[in-house]
N, C-alpha and C. Protein backbone atom coordinates (compact mmCIF):
# COMPACT_ATOMS: atom_id res chain seq x y z
N MET A 1 5.49 -40.28 9.90
CA MET A 1 5.30 -38.98 10.53
C MET A 1 6.54 -38.10 10.39
N VAL A 2 7.73 -38.69 10.59
CA VAL A 2 8.98 -37.94 10.48
C VAL A 2 9.16 -37.44 9.06
N MET A 3 8.78 -38.28 8.08
CA MET A 3 8.92 -37.89 6.68
C MET A 3 8.00 -36.70 6.37
N GLU A 4 6.80 -36.70 6.94
CA GLU A 4 5.87 -35.59 6.73
C GLU A 4 6.45 -34.29 7.27
N ILE A 5 7.08 -34.36 8.43
CA ILE A 5 7.68 -33.16 9.02
C ILE A 5 8.82 -32.65 8.14
N GLU A 6 9.63 -33.55 7.62
CA GLU A 6 10.73 -33.15 6.73
C GLU A 6 10.19 -32.50 5.47
N VAL A 7 9.13 -33.06 4.92
CA VAL A 7 8.51 -32.48 3.72
C VAL A 7 7.98 -31.08 4.02
N LEU A 8 7.32 -30.93 5.15
CA LEU A 8 6.79 -29.61 5.54
C LEU A 8 7.92 -28.59 5.73
N GLU A 9 9.02 -29.02 6.32
CA GLU A 9 10.16 -28.12 6.51
C GLU A 9 10.74 -27.70 5.16
N GLU A 10 10.80 -28.62 4.20
CA GLU A 10 11.29 -28.29 2.86
C GLU A 10 10.36 -27.29 2.19
N ILE A 11 9.07 -27.50 2.35
CA ILE A 11 8.08 -26.59 1.76
C ILE A 11 8.24 -25.20 2.37
N ARG A 12 8.41 -25.11 3.68
CA ARG A 12 8.61 -23.81 4.35
C ARG A 12 9.86 -23.12 3.83
N ALA A 13 10.94 -23.86 3.67
CA ALA A 13 12.19 -23.28 3.18
C ALA A 13 12.00 -22.76 1.76
N GLU A 14 11.29 -23.52 0.94
CA GLU A 14 11.04 -23.08 -0.44
C GLU A 14 10.15 -21.85 -0.47
N LEU A 15 9.17 -21.80 0.41
CA LEU A 15 8.31 -20.62 0.49
C LEU A 15 9.09 -19.38 0.90
N ARG A 16 10.00 -19.54 1.87
CA ARG A 16 10.85 -18.41 2.28
C ARG A 16 11.67 -17.92 1.09
N GLU A 17 12.23 -18.85 0.34
CA GLU A 17 13.04 -18.49 -0.83
C GLU A 17 12.18 -17.79 -1.88
N LEU A 18 10.98 -18.30 -2.12
CA LEU A 18 10.08 -17.66 -3.09
C LEU A 18 9.70 -16.25 -2.66
N ARG A 19 9.44 -16.07 -1.36
CA ARG A 19 9.10 -14.72 -0.87
C ARG A 19 10.27 -13.77 -1.07
N LEU A 20 11.48 -14.23 -0.81
CA LEU A 20 12.66 -13.40 -1.00
C LEU A 20 12.83 -13.03 -2.48
N LEU A 21 12.67 -14.01 -3.36
CA LEU A 21 12.78 -13.74 -4.79
C LEU A 21 11.71 -12.77 -5.26
N TYR A 22 10.48 -12.94 -4.75
CA TYR A 22 9.39 -12.05 -5.11
C TYR A 22 9.67 -10.62 -4.64
N LYS A 23 10.18 -10.50 -3.42
CA LYS A 23 10.52 -9.18 -2.88
C LYS A 23 11.60 -8.51 -3.72
N GLN A 24 12.62 -9.27 -4.10
CA GLN A 24 13.70 -8.72 -4.93
C GLN A 24 13.17 -8.29 -6.30
N LEU A 25 12.28 -9.09 -6.86
CA LEU A 25 11.68 -8.75 -8.16
C LEU A 25 10.89 -7.45 -8.06
N LEU A 26 10.08 -7.33 -7.01
CA LEU A 26 9.29 -6.11 -6.83
C LEU A 26 10.18 -4.89 -6.65
N GLU A 27 11.26 -5.03 -5.92
CA GLU A 27 12.16 -3.90 -5.70
C GLU A 27 12.79 -3.46 -7.01
N LYS A 28 13.02 -4.39 -7.93
CA LYS A 28 13.57 -4.01 -9.24
C LYS A 28 12.51 -3.37 -10.12
N LEU A 29 11.28 -3.89 -10.06
CA LEU A 29 10.21 -3.37 -10.91
C LEU A 29 9.64 -2.06 -10.39
N ILE A 30 9.52 -1.96 -9.07
CA ILE A 30 8.93 -0.77 -8.44
C ILE A 30 9.92 -0.25 -7.42
N PRO A 31 10.82 0.62 -7.86
CA PRO A 31 11.82 1.13 -6.91
C PRO A 31 11.14 1.96 -5.81
N ILE A 32 11.71 1.85 -4.62
CA ILE A 32 11.19 2.61 -3.48
C ILE A 32 11.75 4.02 -3.56
N VAL A 33 10.85 4.99 -3.61
CA VAL A 33 11.24 6.39 -3.74
C VAL A 33 10.76 7.14 -2.51
N ASP A 34 11.64 7.94 -1.94
CA ASP A 34 11.25 8.75 -0.79
C ASP A 34 10.29 9.84 -1.25
N PRO A 35 9.30 10.18 -0.42
CA PRO A 35 8.35 11.22 -0.81
C PRO A 35 9.02 12.60 -0.87
N THR A 36 8.48 13.44 -1.72
CA THR A 36 8.96 14.82 -1.80
C THR A 36 8.53 15.55 -0.53
N PRO A 37 9.10 16.72 -0.26
CA PRO A 37 8.67 17.46 0.93
C PRO A 37 7.17 17.76 0.94
N GLU A 38 6.60 18.06 -0.22
CA GLU A 38 5.16 18.33 -0.30
C GLU A 38 4.35 17.08 0.01
N GLU A 39 4.80 15.93 -0.52
CA GLU A 39 4.10 14.68 -0.25
C GLU A 39 4.21 14.30 1.22
N ARG A 40 5.38 14.49 1.80
CA ARG A 40 5.58 14.17 3.21
C ARG A 40 4.67 15.03 4.08
N GLU A 41 4.55 16.32 3.73
CA GLU A 41 3.68 17.22 4.49
C GLU A 41 2.22 16.76 4.38
N ALA A 42 1.81 16.36 3.18
CA ALA A 42 0.43 15.90 3.00
C ALA A 42 0.16 14.62 3.78
N ILE A 43 1.15 13.77 3.86
CA ILE A 43 1.00 12.51 4.59
C ILE A 43 0.87 12.77 6.08
N GLU A 44 1.70 13.67 6.60
CA GLU A 44 1.77 13.91 8.05
C GLU A 44 0.72 14.90 8.54
N LYS A 45 0.19 15.73 7.65
CA LYS A 45 -0.74 16.79 8.03
C LYS A 45 -2.08 16.19 8.48
N GLU A 46 -2.65 16.81 9.47
CA GLU A 46 -3.97 16.41 9.97
C GLU A 46 -5.01 16.71 8.88
N ASP A 47 -5.88 15.76 8.61
CA ASP A 47 -6.91 15.94 7.60
C ASP A 47 -7.99 16.90 8.10
N GLU A 48 -8.50 17.69 7.17
CA GLU A 48 -9.57 18.62 7.51
C GLU A 48 -10.90 17.90 7.30
N LEU A 49 -11.75 17.97 8.29
CA LEU A 49 -13.06 17.33 8.20
C LEU A 49 -14.13 18.38 7.94
N VAL A 50 -15.05 18.04 7.05
CA VAL A 50 -16.15 18.95 6.78
C VAL A 50 -17.47 18.22 7.06
N LYS A 51 -18.48 18.99 7.27
CA LYS A 51 -19.79 18.41 7.52
C LYS A 51 -20.43 18.02 6.19
N GLU A 52 -21.38 17.12 6.28
CA GLU A 52 -22.04 16.62 5.08
C GLU A 52 -22.71 17.76 4.29
N LYS A 53 -23.26 18.70 5.00
CA LYS A 53 -23.96 19.83 4.35
C LYS A 53 -22.97 20.64 3.49
N GLU A 54 -21.78 20.90 4.04
CA GLU A 54 -20.76 21.64 3.29
C GLU A 54 -20.31 20.85 2.06
N LEU A 55 -20.16 19.55 2.22
CA LEU A 55 -19.74 18.70 1.12
C LEU A 55 -20.78 18.71 0.00
N MET A 56 -22.03 18.55 0.36
CA MET A 56 -23.10 18.54 -0.64
C MET A 56 -23.18 19.90 -1.35
N LYS A 57 -22.96 20.96 -0.61
CA LYS A 57 -22.99 22.31 -1.18
C LYS A 57 -21.86 22.46 -2.21
N ALA A 58 -20.68 21.99 -1.86
CA ALA A 58 -19.54 22.07 -2.78
C ALA A 58 -19.76 21.20 -4.00
N LEU A 59 -20.28 20.02 -3.80
CA LEU A 59 -20.54 19.13 -4.93
C LEU A 59 -21.63 19.68 -5.83
N ASP A 60 -22.61 20.31 -5.25
CA ASP A 60 -23.70 20.88 -6.03
C ASP A 60 -23.18 22.03 -6.89
N LYS A 61 -22.28 22.86 -6.35
CA LYS A 61 -21.67 23.95 -7.14
C LYS A 61 -20.85 23.39 -8.28
N GLU A 62 -20.11 22.32 -8.01
CA GLU A 62 -19.28 21.69 -9.03
C GLU A 62 -20.16 21.11 -10.13
N LYS A 63 -21.29 20.54 -9.75
CA LYS A 63 -22.22 19.93 -10.70
C LYS A 63 -22.80 21.00 -11.63
N CYS A 64 -23.09 22.14 -11.08
CA CYS A 64 -23.66 23.24 -11.87
C CYS A 64 -22.65 23.83 -12.84
N SER A 65 -21.36 23.81 -12.50
CA SER A 65 -20.35 24.44 -13.35
C SER A 65 -19.91 23.53 -14.49
N THR A 66 -20.29 22.26 -14.48
CA THR A 66 -19.88 21.35 -15.57
C THR A 66 -20.93 21.19 -16.60
């Protein structure tokens, strides 16, 4: 039983190390970039909701123009 616990602890430690390595790899491959002012505004801005009828009307106009 004690040996099983030691093995599990080793596995947990290795998993922590793998997660750290994976995180570091992702940070190198996909750098974290702060959003532009326009992107930040779009993220924080309240979304406009439309009714289904308005949506279908807009989509129907778009369908006719293509």
